[in-house]
């Protein structure tokens, strides 16, 4: 059975910058990728208030949590250059596929 999920240029634990929306310009770490909906959860970004119903052991409360952002509204962030990065693909001599910065050609992935 083939895997029909798209291959994203953003991965879990990458640092990203928000390009659009109420949190535009904020940076954070990718906590989770929701590939079925083309969305990402970014730590500390797009915070919403969620009402949680109480149980007999615990009273009801209001939680602050991250809401998903569409993956097109975030870009990889280069902390040394202080800029958003456009990501491309490159193949090494051994045939492995790595992510590269399209502007400088520097490799993003660690070996």
C-alpha atoms as a PDB file:
ATOM      1  CA  UNK A   1       0.000   0.000   0.000  1.00  0.00           C
ATOM      2  CA  UNK A   2       1.481   3.332  -1.061  1.00  0.00           C
ATOM      3  CA  UNK A   3       1.831   6.256   1.307  1.00  0.00           C
ATOM      4  CA  UNK A   4      -0.221   9.103  -0.206  1.00  0.00           C
ATOM      5  CA  UNK A   5       0.808  11.713   2.348  1.00  0.00           C
ATOM      6  CA  UNK A   6       2.613  14.757   0.957  1.00  0.00           C
ATOM      7  CA  UNK A   7       6.318  15.314   1.586  1.00  0.00           C
ATOM      8  CA  UNK A   8       6.758  18.616   3.408  1.00  0.00           C
ATOM      9  CA  UNK A   9       9.836  20.794   3.532  1.00  0.00           C
ATOM     10  CA  UNK A  10       9.078  21.581   7.189  1.00  0.00           C
ATOM     11  CA  UNK A  11       9.609  18.898   9.808  1.00  0.00           C
ATOM     12  CA  UNK A  12       8.990  18.384  13.507  1.00  0.00           C
ATOM     13  CA  UNK A  13      11.373  20.360  15.785  1.00  0.00           C
ATOM     14  CA  UNK A  14      12.225  22.884  13.025  1.00  0.00           C
ATOM     15  CA  UNK A  15      12.155  26.564  13.945  1.00  0.00           C
ATOM     16  CA  UNK A  16       9.628  28.400  11.790  1.00  0.00           C
ATOM     17  CA  UNK A  17       8.350  31.950  11.368  1.00  0.00           C
ATOM     18  CA  UNK A  18       4.660  32.758  10.849  1.00  0.00           C
ATOM     19  CA  UNK A  19       4.049  34.551   7.525  1.00  0.00           C
ATOM     20  CA  UNK A  20       0.342  35.415   7.846  1.00  0.00           C
ATOM     21  CA  UNK A  21      -2.349  35.848  10.455  1.00  0.00           C
ATOM     22  CA  UNK A  22      -2.577  37.376  13.894  1.00  0.00           C
ATOM     23  CA  UNK A  23       0.851  36.040  14.925  1.00  0.00           C
ATOM     24  CA  UNK A  24       2.718  37.157  11.799  1.00  0.00           C
ATOM     25  CA  UNK A  25       6.446  37.541  12.474  1.00  0.00           C
ATOM     26  CA  UNK A  26       6.540  35.289  15.549  1.00  0.00           C
ATOM     27  CA  UNK A  27       8.867  32.304  15.606  1.00  0.00           C
ATOM     28  CA  UNK A  28       8.502  28.962  17.329  1.00  0.00           C
ATOM     29  CA  UNK A  29       9.341  25.263  17.209  1.00  0.00           C
ATOM     30  CA  UNK A  30       7.137  22.838  15.269  1.00  0.00           C
ATOM     31  CA  UNK A  31       5.513  20.504  17.801  1.00  0.00           C
ATOM     32  CA  UNK A  32       3.444  18.392  15.421  1.00  0.00           C
ATOM     33  CA  UNK A  33       2.592  18.111  11.729  1.00  0.00           C
ATOM     34  CA  UNK A  34      -0.994  17.249  10.813  1.00  0.00           C
ATOM     35  CA  UNK A  35      -0.364  15.984   7.287  1.00  0.00           C
ATOM     36  CA  UNK A  36      -3.965  14.950   6.605  1.00  0.00           C
ATOM     37  CA  UNK A  37      -5.074  18.579   7.001  1.00  0.00           C
ATOM     38  CA  UNK A  38      -1.880  20.323   5.758  1.00  0.00           C
ATOM     39  CA  UNK A  39      -1.404  22.020   9.126  1.00  0.00           C
ATOM     40  CA  UNK A  40       1.287  22.419  11.776  1.00  0.00           C
ATOM     41  CA  UNK A  41       1.271  23.096  15.519  1.00  0.00           C
ATOM     42  CA  UNK A  42       3.881  25.688  16.500  1.00  0.00           C
ATOM     43  CA  UNK A  43       4.912  26.034  20.133  1.00  0.00           C
ATOM     44  CA  UNK A  44       3.581  29.245  21.710  1.00  0.00           C
ATOM     45  CA  UNK A  45       1.987  30.543  18.490  1.00  0.00           C
ATOM     46  CA  UNK A  46      -1.722  30.890  17.571  1.00  0.00           C
ATOM     47  CA  UNK A  47      -2.843  30.419  21.169  1.00  0.00           C
ATOM     48  CA  UNK A  48      -6.570  29.920  21.738  1.00  0.00           C
ATOM     49  CA  UNK A  49      -8.666  29.504  24.870  1.00  0.00           C
ATOM     50  CA  UNK A  50     -10.366  26.110  25.175  1.00  0.00           C
ATOM     51  CA  UNK A  51     -13.166  25.425  27.634  1.00  0.00           C
ATOM     52  CA  UNK A  52     -12.759  22.000  29.239  1.00  0.00           C
ATOM     53  CA  UNK A  53     -15.728  20.349  30.921  1.00  0.00           C
ATOM     54  CA  UNK A  54     -15.299  19.291  34.515  1.00  0.00           C
ATOM     55  CA  UNK A  55     -15.324  15.747  35.872  1.00  0.00           C
ATOM     56  CA  UNK A  56     -16.253  14.496  39.349  1.00  0.00           C
ATOM     57  CA  UNK A  57     -12.541  14.520  40.255  1.00  0.00           C
ATOM     58  CA  UNK A  58     -11.626  17.819  38.593  1.00  0.00           C
ATOM     59  CA  UNK A  59     -13.527  21.082  38.089  1.00  0.00           C
ATOM     60  CA  UNK A  60     -14.046  22.688  34.683  1.00  0.00           C
ATOM     61  CA  UNK A  61     -11.431  25.134  33.481  1.00  0.00           C
ATOM     62  CA  UNK A  62     -10.254  27.265  30.581  1.00  0.00           C
ATOM     63  CA  UNK A  63      -6.986  26.143  28.969  1.00  0.00           C
ATOM     64  CA  UNK A  64      -4.628  28.021  26.669  1.00  0.00           C
ATOM     65  CA  UNK A  65      -3.343  25.814  23.856  1.00  0.00           C
ATOM     66  CA  UNK A  66      -1.871  26.070  20.377  1.00  0.00           C
ATOM     67  CA  UNK A  67      -4.230  25.871  17.415  1.00  0.00           C
ATOM     68  CA  UNK A  68      -2.981  24.511  14.087  1.00  0.00           C
ATOM     69  CA  UNK A  69      -1.738  26.850  11.346  1.00  0.00           C
ATOM     70  CA  UNK A  70      -1.851  26.045   7.654  1.00  0.00           C
ATOM     71  CA  UNK A  71       1.581  24.901   6.519  1.00  0.00           C
ATOM     72  CA  UNK A  72       1.643  27.538   3.766  1.00  0.00           C
ATOM     73  CA  UNK A  73       1.544  30.259   6.432  1.00  0.00           C
ATOM     74  CA  UNK A  74       4.870  29.261   8.004  1.00  0.00           C
ATOM     75  CA  UNK A  75       8.430  29.270   6.658  1.00  0.00           C
ATOM     76  CA  UNK A  76      11.639  27.754   7.938  1.00  0.00           C
ATOM     77  CA  UNK A  77      13.661  30.243  10.007  1.00  0.00           C
ATOM     78  CA  UNK A  78      17.443  30.666   9.834  1.00  0.00           C
ATOM     79  CA  UNK A  79      18.464  32.025  13.229  1.00  0.00           C
ATOM     80  CA  UNK A  80      22.035  32.948  12.211  1.00  0.00           C
ATOM     81  CA  UNK A  81      20.944  34.988   9.172  1.00  0.00           C
ATOM     82  CA  UNK A  82      17.713  36.194  10.879  1.00  0.00           C
ATOM     83  CA  UNK A  83      15.579  35.472   7.822  1.00  0.00           C
ATOM     84  CA  UNK A  84      12.997  33.072   6.441  1.00  0.00           C
ATOM     85  CA  UNK A  85      14.436  30.316   4.267  1.00  0.00           C
ATOM     86  CA  UNK A  86      13.093  28.968   0.989  1.00  0.00           C
ATOM     87  CA  UNK A  87      13.797  25.260   1.012  1.00  0.00           C
ATOM     88  CA  UNK A  88      14.820  23.102  -1.915  1.00  0.00           C
ATOM     89  CA  UNK A  89      15.967  19.517  -2.329  1.00  0.00           C
ATOM     90  CA  UNK A  90      19.408  18.243  -3.244  1.00  0.00           C
ATOM     91  CA  UNK A  91      20.938  14.795  -3.601  1.00  0.00           C
ATOM     92  CA  UNK A  92      24.282  13.847  -2.071  1.00  0.00           C
ATOM     93  CA  UNK A  93      26.874  11.569  -3.692  1.00  0.00           C
ATOM     94  CA  UNK A  94      25.570   8.572  -1.749  1.00  0.00           C
ATOM     95  CA  UNK A  95      22.065   9.196  -3.137  1.00  0.00           C
ATOM     96  CA  UNK A  96      20.488  10.562   0.046  1.00  0.00           C
ATOM     97  CA  UNK A  97      18.074  13.477  -0.281  1.00  0.00           C
ATOM     98  CA  UNK A  98      18.659  16.572   1.892  1.00  0.00           C
ATOM     99  CA  UNK A  99      17.047  19.975   2.319  1.00  0.00           C
ATOM    100  CA  UNK A 100      19.024  23.018   1.190  1.00  0.00           C
ATOM    101  CA  UNK A 101      18.626  26.792   1.399  1.00  0.00           C
ATOM    102  CA  UNK A 102      17.698  27.918  -2.120  1.00  0.00           C
ATOM    103  CA  UNK A 103      19.369  31.312  -1.699  1.00  0.00           C
ATOM    104  CA  UNK A 104      22.776  30.233  -0.394  1.00  0.00           C
ATOM    105  CA  UNK A 105      22.841  26.523  -1.225  1.00  0.00           C
ATOM    106  CA  UNK A 106      23.724  25.626   2.382  1.00  0.00           C
ATOM    107  CA  UNK A 107      22.491  22.282   3.639  1.00  0.00           C
ATOM    108  CA  UNK A 108      19.755  22.469   6.292  1.00  0.00           C
ATOM    109  CA  UNK A 109      19.647  18.808   7.322  1.00  0.00           C
ATOM    110  CA  UNK A 110      22.205  17.337   9.670  1.00  0.00           C
ATOM    111  CA  UNK A 111      24.001  14.234   8.467  1.00  0.00           C
END
